[in-house]
Amino acid sequence: MTDWKTRTKLVHAGTRRSQYGEVAEAIYLTQGFVYDTAEAAEARFIEAGPDEYIYARYGNPTVRMFEDRIAALEGTEDAFATASGMAAVNGALTSLLRAGDHVVSARALFGSCLYILEEILTRYGVEVTFVDGTDLDQWRAAVRPGTKAVFFESMSNPTLEVIDVAAVAGIAHAVGALVIVDNVFATPVFSRAVELGADVIVYSATKHIDGQGRCLGGVICGTKQFVRKVAEPYLKHTGGALSPFNAWVMLKGMETLDLRVRAQADSAMALAEALDGHAKLARVIYPGLAAHPQHATAAAQMDGFGTVLALDLAGGREAAFRFLNALEIVTISNNLGDAKSIITHPATTTHQRLSPAQRESLGIGEGLVRLSVGLEDTGDLIADVTRALESA
């Protein structure tokens, strides 16, 4: 299987078949499992075998298929599936860190990720230092001997800053810190995070992996030691497990993941090029544009530029709202990575809990909108967005 190409892994990796030889992956909708004898139950609780299960919170055959498939795609030894993307972020960080530990994080993060670092971890005695993720000198100044971990989004939400994964990993590893990367915007299709030095990679499977707006899910990818000895004990006892049905949806979504993401990224590139320099826009933010500050970094560390772009309307919030309300094809919602094109106004939705000063420091102005490009006809999307901009 290690020699298989991406699309083959996405269709076949991790498949487990019952005695019936089904073609489609089976959904094992059960909360528990039975044992032939009391002795067998005792033995399984001591150490379960690779295809032995105890309770759905601990593991499930359908969930295990999803874990094996995403690990094969990402190139990690193992994976643990979670109930949501934020359960994955929280699980990866909280399972590792203890009172007195030090973590360094990029400050450009999704609002809920910031909440975990600013509010939850610090509440329990973890010291958190925030840096400008694109400034390697700030990473060097912030880490120190004993720093436990560094955390960042490889491409930030919503301003699409691209962090040099290899460079930050080198800085972190020099002091013995673990590198934990939220890789949602890079997508599992375009990611080379493991090759670049990431130790732990988290995804919101709700996004591109499902990709059709149906289910919540998340996953932590890493070494077997981290996944099974660090993350799993915390997650199985705190209840962040993925449901078997949602795991099945993710498995079916993965079959078309490569096709969908590449088509969406092509449309995102075309849309960015069509809108770049538009009179109603102060800027178009997309790593595929040569003017993007980290364009060279994105080109070097990813196999594509992603499915999301940001538009900064010159007229501020009022213009942004008029623009959003004038769209006919693109849907106003706060998800991303969907087959449907989706747009949101981060300052009043995903990042509204931040203070105006925090938003300003992150480049999230009142005119900024985040556009996740779907699978609609590219020409239709360009026409819809261009026409709506006239209303701004």
Foldseek 3Di string as FASTA:
>chain_A
DLPDDQLVLLQDFLADDDPVRDPAGDQDQDFADDDPDPVRLVVCVVPNDPPDDGGVLQHDSLLRSLFRSLCSLLVAATKAKFQALLCQLLLLPVLQDAAPAEEEEELQAFQSSCCCQVPVVVVRHYHYHYDNQQDLVRLLVRDDQRHAAYEYECAGPPQGDHHLLLSSLVSQVVNPYAYEYADAQLDSLWAPNVVSRHAKYKYFCCALLLQANDHTMMMIGHYPCCRVVRRSVVSSVVRGHHRSVVSSSSSVSSSCSNVWWVLLLVLVVVLQVLCAPPPQFPGKRWLCDPPHPCVVSCVVGTPGGGRKIKTFGPVFQVLQVQLQVQFDQEDDDDGANHQGKYKYQCCVPRNVVDDPVSCVVSVRTRRMMMIGGHNPDSVVVNVRNVVSSVRD
